[in-house]
Amino acid sequence: MRIALHSVIADGAVDQYRSHHARIPDDLRDLFAEAGIHDWIIWRSGRNLFHLVECDDFDGAMRIVDAAPANAAWQADIGRFVEGFHGPDGEDGFLPIEQVWSLETQRSSET
């Protein structure tokens, strides 16, 4: 499955976020593999970050990741550069944003 997330970099922290997030800790990378996360890509526009997560089961993966010390250490570290996450209606929270359209889905529905 593929989901998207939206977060915002703290005011004045774009350069620090970019340099600090150039590589995640190895134990976190290994945790993602254990949790069934195959890829996690982050794009930036201004202070807005858009994450694309490819995984087997997002909710299941987050239960594993949230319970792990490697994630707690990473969140404490990277969290100083992040203002927060926002859901599909702009509300605060770590929620997937809404997919509005997909070329692949449109094509497959036309065949």
N, C-alpha and C. Protein backbone atom coordinates (compact mmCIF):
# COMPACT_ATOMS: atom_id res chain seq x y z
N MET A 1 0.84 -1.18 0.00
CA MET A 1 0.00 0.00 0.00
C MET A 1 0.89 1.24 0.00
N ARG A 2 0.29 2.33 -0.47
CA ARG A 2 1.02 3.59 -0.55
C ARG A 2 0.16 4.66 0.11
N ILE A 3 0.74 5.38 1.07
CA ILE A 3 0.03 6.47 1.72
C ILE A 3 0.91 7.72 1.71
N ALA A 4 0.27 8.87 1.85
CA ALA A 4 0.99 10.14 1.90
C ALA A 4 0.71 10.83 3.23
N LEU A 5 1.71 11.52 3.73
CA LEU A 5 1.62 12.29 4.97
C LEU A 5 2.09 13.71 4.70
N HIS A 6 1.64 14.63 5.54
CA HIS A 6 2.04 16.04 5.42
C HIS A 6 2.54 16.51 6.77
N SER A 7 3.73 17.09 6.78
CA SER A 7 4.25 17.70 8.00
C SER A 7 4.84 19.06 7.65
N VAL A 8 5.18 19.82 8.68
CA VAL A 8 5.69 21.18 8.50
C VAL A 8 6.97 21.33 9.31
N ILE A 9 7.98 21.88 8.66
CA ILE A 9 9.25 22.15 9.33
C ILE A 9 9.07 23.38 10.22
N ALA A 10 9.68 23.35 11.39
CA ALA A 10 9.63 24.49 12.31
C ALA A 10 10.21 25.73 11.62
N ASP A 11 9.65 26.87 11.96
CA ASP A 11 10.09 28.14 11.38
C ASP A 11 11.60 28.31 11.59
N GLY A 12 12.30 28.60 10.50
CA GLY A 12 13.73 28.84 10.58
C GLY A 12 14.60 27.60 10.62
N ALA A 13 14.00 26.40 10.49
CA ALA A 13 14.76 25.16 10.64
C ALA A 13 14.91 24.35 9.36
N VAL A 14 14.63 24.96 8.20
CA VAL A 14 14.69 24.20 6.94
C VAL A 14 16.08 23.63 6.70
N ASP A 15 17.11 24.45 6.79
CA ASP A 15 18.46 23.96 6.52
C ASP A 15 18.89 22.89 7.51
N GLN A 16 18.57 23.09 8.78
CA GLN A 16 18.93 22.09 9.79
C GLN A 16 18.18 20.78 9.54
N TYR A 17 16.89 20.87 9.19
CA TYR A 17 16.11 19.66 8.91
C TYR A 17 16.72 18.91 7.73
N ARG A 18 16.99 19.62 6.65
CA ARG A 18 17.53 18.98 5.44
C ARG A 18 18.86 18.31 5.73
N SER A 19 19.75 18.96 6.42
CA SER A 19 21.06 18.35 6.67
C SER A 19 20.95 17.21 7.68
N HIS A 20 20.11 17.39 8.68
CA HIS A 20 19.98 16.35 9.71
C HIS A 20 19.25 15.12 9.19
N HIS A 21 18.32 15.32 8.26
CA HIS A 21 17.51 14.20 7.75
C HIS A 21 18.12 13.59 6.48
N ALA A 22 19.35 13.96 6.15
CA ALA A 22 19.99 13.40 4.96
C ALA A 22 20.20 11.90 5.10
N ARG A 23 20.25 11.42 6.33
CA ARG A 23 20.42 9.99 6.60
C ARG A 23 19.78 9.69 7.95
N ILE A 24 18.97 8.63 8.01
CA ILE A 24 18.39 8.24 9.29
C ILE A 24 19.31 7.21 9.95
N PRO A 25 19.21 7.03 11.26
CA PRO A 25 20.04 6.04 11.95
C PRO A 25 19.79 4.62 11.41
N ASP A 26 20.84 3.82 11.41
CA ASP A 26 20.74 2.45 10.91
C ASP A 26 19.71 1.62 11.65
N ASP A 27 19.59 1.82 12.97
CA ASP A 27 18.61 1.02 13.71
C ASP A 27 17.18 1.38 13.32
N LEU A 28 16.95 2.63 12.94
CA LEU A 28 15.62 3.04 12.47
C LEU A 28 15.36 2.47 11.08
N ARG A 29 16.36 2.52 10.22
CA ARG A 29 16.24 1.92 8.88
C ARG A 29 15.89 0.44 9.00
N ASP A 30 16.57 -0.27 9.90
CA ASP A 30 16.30 -1.69 10.09
C ASP A 30 14.91 -1.93 10.68
N LEU A 31 14.48 -1.05 11.57
CA LEU A 31 13.13 -1.13 12.14
C LEU A 31 12.07 -0.99 11.06
N PHE A 32 12.27 -0.07 10.14
CA PHE A 32 11.31 0.11 9.04
C PHE A 32 11.19 -1.18 8.23
N ALA A 33 12.29 -1.84 7.95
CA ALA A 33 12.25 -3.10 7.21
C ALA A 33 11.47 -4.15 7.98
N GLU A 34 11.72 -4.24 9.28
CA GLU A 34 11.02 -5.19 10.15
C GLU A 34 9.51 -4.91 10.17
N ALA A 35 9.14 -3.64 10.09
CA ALA A 35 7.73 -3.23 10.16
C ALA A 35 7.02 -3.34 8.81
N GLY A 36 7.75 -3.71 7.75
CA GLY A 36 7.14 -3.83 6.43
C GLY A 36 7.07 -2.53 5.66
N ILE A 37 7.91 -1.57 6.03
CA ILE A 37 8.00 -0.32 5.28
C ILE A 37 9.09 -0.50 4.23
N HIS A 38 8.70 -0.43 2.96
CA HIS A 38 9.63 -0.70 1.86
C HIS A 38 10.32 0.56 1.38
N ASP A 39 9.64 1.69 1.45
CA ASP A 39 10.25 2.95 1.05
C ASP A 39 9.52 4.09 1.74
N TRP A 40 10.24 5.17 2.00
CA TRP A 40 9.67 6.38 2.60
C TRP A 40 10.40 7.54 1.95
N ILE A 41 9.70 8.31 1.16
CA ILE A 41 10.28 9.41 0.41
C ILE A 41 9.68 10.71 0.94
N ILE A 42 10.51 11.74 1.08
CA ILE A 42 10.03 13.03 1.57
C ILE A 42 10.39 14.11 0.56
N TRP A 43 9.37 14.90 0.18
CA TRP A 43 9.57 16.07 -0.68
C TRP A 43 9.30 17.31 0.16
N ARG A 44 9.95 18.42 -0.20
CA ARG A 44 9.77 19.68 0.52
C ARG A 44 9.35 20.78 -0.43
N SER A 45 8.39 21.60 0.02
CA SER A 45 8.00 22.83 -0.66
C SER A 45 7.89 23.89 0.42
N GLY A 46 8.84 24.81 0.46
CA GLY A 46 8.87 25.77 1.56
C GLY A 46 9.11 25.02 2.86
N ARG A 47 8.23 25.24 3.82
CA ARG A 47 8.33 24.52 5.10
C ARG A 47 7.48 23.25 5.10
N ASN A 48 6.72 23.02 4.04
CA ASN A 48 5.84 21.85 3.95
C ASN A 48 6.60 20.63 3.46
N LEU A 49 6.39 19.52 4.13
CA LEU A 49 6.98 18.24 3.76
C LEU A 49 5.87 17.28 3.36
N PHE A 50 6.08 16.57 2.27
CA PHE A 50 5.12 15.57 1.81
C PHE A 50 5.84 14.24 1.76
N HIS A 51 5.30 13.28 2.50
CA HIS A 51 5.92 11.97 2.66
C HIS A 51 5.12 10.95 1.85
N LEU A 52 5.80 10.10 1.11
CA LEU A 52 5.16 8.98 0.43
C LEU A 52 5.73 7.71 1.06
N VAL A 53 4.85 6.92 1.68
CA VAL A 53 5.27 5.72 2.39
C VAL A 53 4.71 4.50 1.66
N GLU A 54 5.59 3.60 1.28
CA GLU A 54 5.17 2.34 0.67
C GLU A 54 5.42 1.24 1.69
N CYS A 55 4.33 0.55 2.05
CA CYS A 55 4.42 -0.45 3.11
C CYS A 55 3.36 -1.52 2.92
N ASP A 56 3.50 -2.60 3.70
CA ASP A 56 2.51 -3.67 3.64
C ASP A 56 1.20 -3.24 4.27
N ASP A 57 1.28 -2.63 5.45
CA ASP A 57 0.11 -2.23 6.23
C ASP A 57 0.52 -1.04 7.09
N PHE A 58 0.05 0.14 6.77
CA PHE A 58 0.50 1.35 7.45
C PHE A 58 0.18 1.30 8.95
N ASP A 59 -1.04 0.98 9.32
CA ASP A 59 -1.40 0.96 10.75
C ASP A 59 -0.56 -0.06 11.51
N GLY A 60 -0.37 -1.24 10.92
CA GLY A 60 0.46 -2.27 11.56
C GLY A 60 1.90 -1.83 11.68
N ALA A 61 2.42 -1.21 10.64
CA ALA A 61 3.80 -0.72 10.67
C ALA A 61 3.97 0.34 11.76
N MET A 62 3.01 1.25 11.88
CA MET A 62 3.12 2.30 12.87
C MET A 62 3.04 1.75 14.30
N ARG A 63 2.27 0.68 14.50
CA ARG A 63 2.24 0.06 15.84
C ARG A 63 3.63 -0.47 16.21
N ILE A 64 4.31 -1.10 15.26
CA ILE A 64 5.65 -1.62 15.50
C ILE A 64 6.64 -0.48 15.71
N VAL A 65 6.61 0.50 14.83
CA VAL A 65 7.54 1.62 14.90
C VAL A 65 7.34 2.43 16.18
N ASP A 66 6.08 2.73 16.51
CA ASP A 66 5.80 3.56 17.69
C ASP A 66 6.27 2.92 18.99
N ALA A 67 6.33 1.59 19.03
CA ALA A 67 6.72 0.88 20.25
C ALA A 67 8.23 0.71 20.39
N ALA A 68 8.98 1.12 19.40
CA ALA A 68 10.42 0.85 19.38
C ALA A 68 11.26 2.00 19.93
N PRO A 69 12.26 1.67 20.75
CA PRO A 69 13.17 2.71 21.26
C PRO A 69 13.90 3.47 20.14
N ALA A 70 14.21 2.80 19.03
CA ALA A 70 14.90 3.48 17.93
C ALA A 70 14.06 4.64 17.41
N ASN A 71 12.74 4.45 17.32
CA ASN A 71 11.87 5.52 16.86
C ASN A 71 11.76 6.63 17.90
N ALA A 72 11.65 6.26 19.16
CA ALA A 72 11.57 7.29 20.21
C ALA A 72 12.81 8.18 20.19
N ALA A 73 13.98 7.58 20.01
CA ALA A 73 15.22 8.36 19.96
C ALA A 73 15.24 9.27 18.74
N TRP A 74 14.79 8.75 17.59
CA TRP A 74 14.77 9.56 16.37
C TRP A 74 13.78 10.71 16.49
N GLN A 75 12.59 10.45 17.03
CA GLN A 75 11.58 11.51 17.17
C GLN A 75 12.08 12.60 18.11
N ALA A 76 12.76 12.21 19.19
CA ALA A 76 13.30 13.21 20.11
C ALA A 76 14.36 14.07 19.41
N ASP A 77 15.11 13.46 18.51
CA ASP A 77 16.17 14.16 17.80
C ASP A 77 15.62 15.03 16.67
N ILE A 78 14.90 14.44 15.73
CA ILE A 78 14.41 15.18 14.56
C ILE A 78 13.24 16.10 14.92
N GLY A 79 12.55 15.78 16.00
CA GLY A 79 11.38 16.56 16.41
C GLY A 79 11.67 18.02 16.69
N ARG A 80 12.89 18.34 17.00
CA ARG A 80 13.22 19.75 17.27
C ARG A 80 13.15 20.61 16.00
N PHE A 81 13.12 19.95 14.83
CA PHE A 81 13.05 20.67 13.56
C PHE A 81 11.66 20.63 12.93
N VAL A 82 10.73 19.90 13.53
CA VAL A 82 9.42 19.68 12.93
C VAL A 82 8.34 20.34 13.78
N GLU A 83 7.52 21.16 13.14
CA GLU A 83 6.41 21.82 13.83
C GLU A 83 5.30 20.82 14.14
N GLY A 84 5.03 19.89 13.21
CA GLY A 84 3.99 18.89 13.43
C GLY A 84 3.49 18.29 12.13
N PHE A 85 2.60 17.31 12.27
CA PHE A 85 1.95 16.65 11.14
C PHE A 85 0.51 17.13 11.04
N HIS A 86 -0.04 17.09 9.83
CA HIS A 86 -1.41 17.52 9.58
C HIS A 86 -2.13 16.49 8.75
N GLY A 87 -3.38 16.22 9.11
CA GLY A 87 -4.23 15.26 8.39
C GLY A 87 -4.84 15.86 7.14
N PRO A 88 -5.78 15.13 6.52
CA PRO A 88 -6.34 15.53 5.23
C PRO A 88 -7.12 16.85 5.25
N ASP A 89 -7.63 17.24 6.38
CA ASP A 89 -8.38 18.49 6.47
C ASP A 89 -7.60 19.58 7.21
N GLY A 90 -6.29 19.38 7.33
CA GLY A 90 -5.43 20.37 7.98
C GLY A 90 -5.36 20.23 9.48
N GLU A 91 -6.08 19.25 10.04
CA GLU A 91 -6.06 19.06 11.49
C GLU A 91 -4.71 18.52 11.93
N ASP A 92 -4.33 18.83 13.17
CA ASP A 92 -3.09 18.30 13.73
C ASP A 92 -3.22 16.80 13.90
N GLY A 93 -2.19 16.06 13.51
CA GLY A 93 -2.20 14.63 13.72
C GLY A 93 -1.44 13.89 12.64
N PHE A 94 -0.98 12.71 12.99
CA PHE A 94 -0.21 11.84 12.10
C PHE A 94 -1.20 10.97 11.33
N LEU A 95 -1.89 11.58 10.37
CA LEU A 95 -2.92 10.90 9.58
C LEU A 95 -2.58 10.98 8.11
N PRO A 96 -2.85 9.92 7.35
CA PRO A 96 -2.64 10.01 5.90
C PRO A 96 -3.48 11.12 5.29
N ILE A 97 -2.92 11.80 4.30
CA ILE A 97 -3.69 12.80 3.58
C ILE A 97 -4.48 12.11 2.46
N GLU A 98 -5.49 12.77 1.97
CA GLU A 98 -6.41 12.18 1.00
C GLU A 98 -5.79 12.09 -0.40
N GLN A 99 -5.93 10.93 -1.00
CA GLN A 99 -5.57 10.79 -2.41
C GLN A 99 -6.77 11.23 -3.23
N VAL A 100 -6.55 12.18 -4.12
CA VAL A 100 -7.63 12.74 -4.91
C VAL A 100 -7.74 12.04 -6.26
N TRP A 101 -6.62 11.70 -6.87
CA TRP A 101 -6.63 11.15 -8.22
C TRP A 101 -5.38 10.33 -8.44
N SER A 102 -5.47 9.33 -9.31
CA SER A 102 -4.34 8.51 -9.71
C SER A 102 -4.47 8.15 -11.18
N LEU A 103 -3.44 8.42 -11.95
CA LEU A 103 -3.44 8.06 -13.36
C LEU A 103 -3.56 6.55 -13.52
N GLU A 104 -2.84 5.80 -12.72
CA GLU A 104 -2.89 4.34 -12.79
C GLU A 104 -4.30 3.81 -12.53
N THR A 105 -4.96 4.35 -11.52
CA THR A 105 -6.33 3.93 -11.21
C THR A 105 -7.28 4.28 -12.35
N GLN A 106 -7.14 5.47 -12.91
CA GLN A 106 -7.99 5.87 -14.02
C GLN A 106 -7.80 4.94 -15.21
N ARG A 107 -6.54 4.67 -15.52
CA ARG A 107 -6.26 3.78 -16.66
C ARG A 107 -6.84 2.40 -16.46
N SER A 108 -6.67 1.85 -15.25
CA SER A 108 -7.15 0.48 -15.00
C SER A 108 -8.69 0.41 -15.00
N SER A 109 -9.36 1.50 -14.65
CA SER A 109 -10.83 1.49 -14.66
C SER A 109 -11.39 1.62 -16.08
N GLU A 110 -10.57 2.05 -17.02
CA GLU A 110 -11.02 2.22 -18.40
C GLU A 110 -10.83 0.97 -19.25
N THR A 111 -10.16 -0.03 -18.73
CA THR A 111 -9.92 -1.25 -19.52
C THR A 111 -10.97 -2.30 -19.28
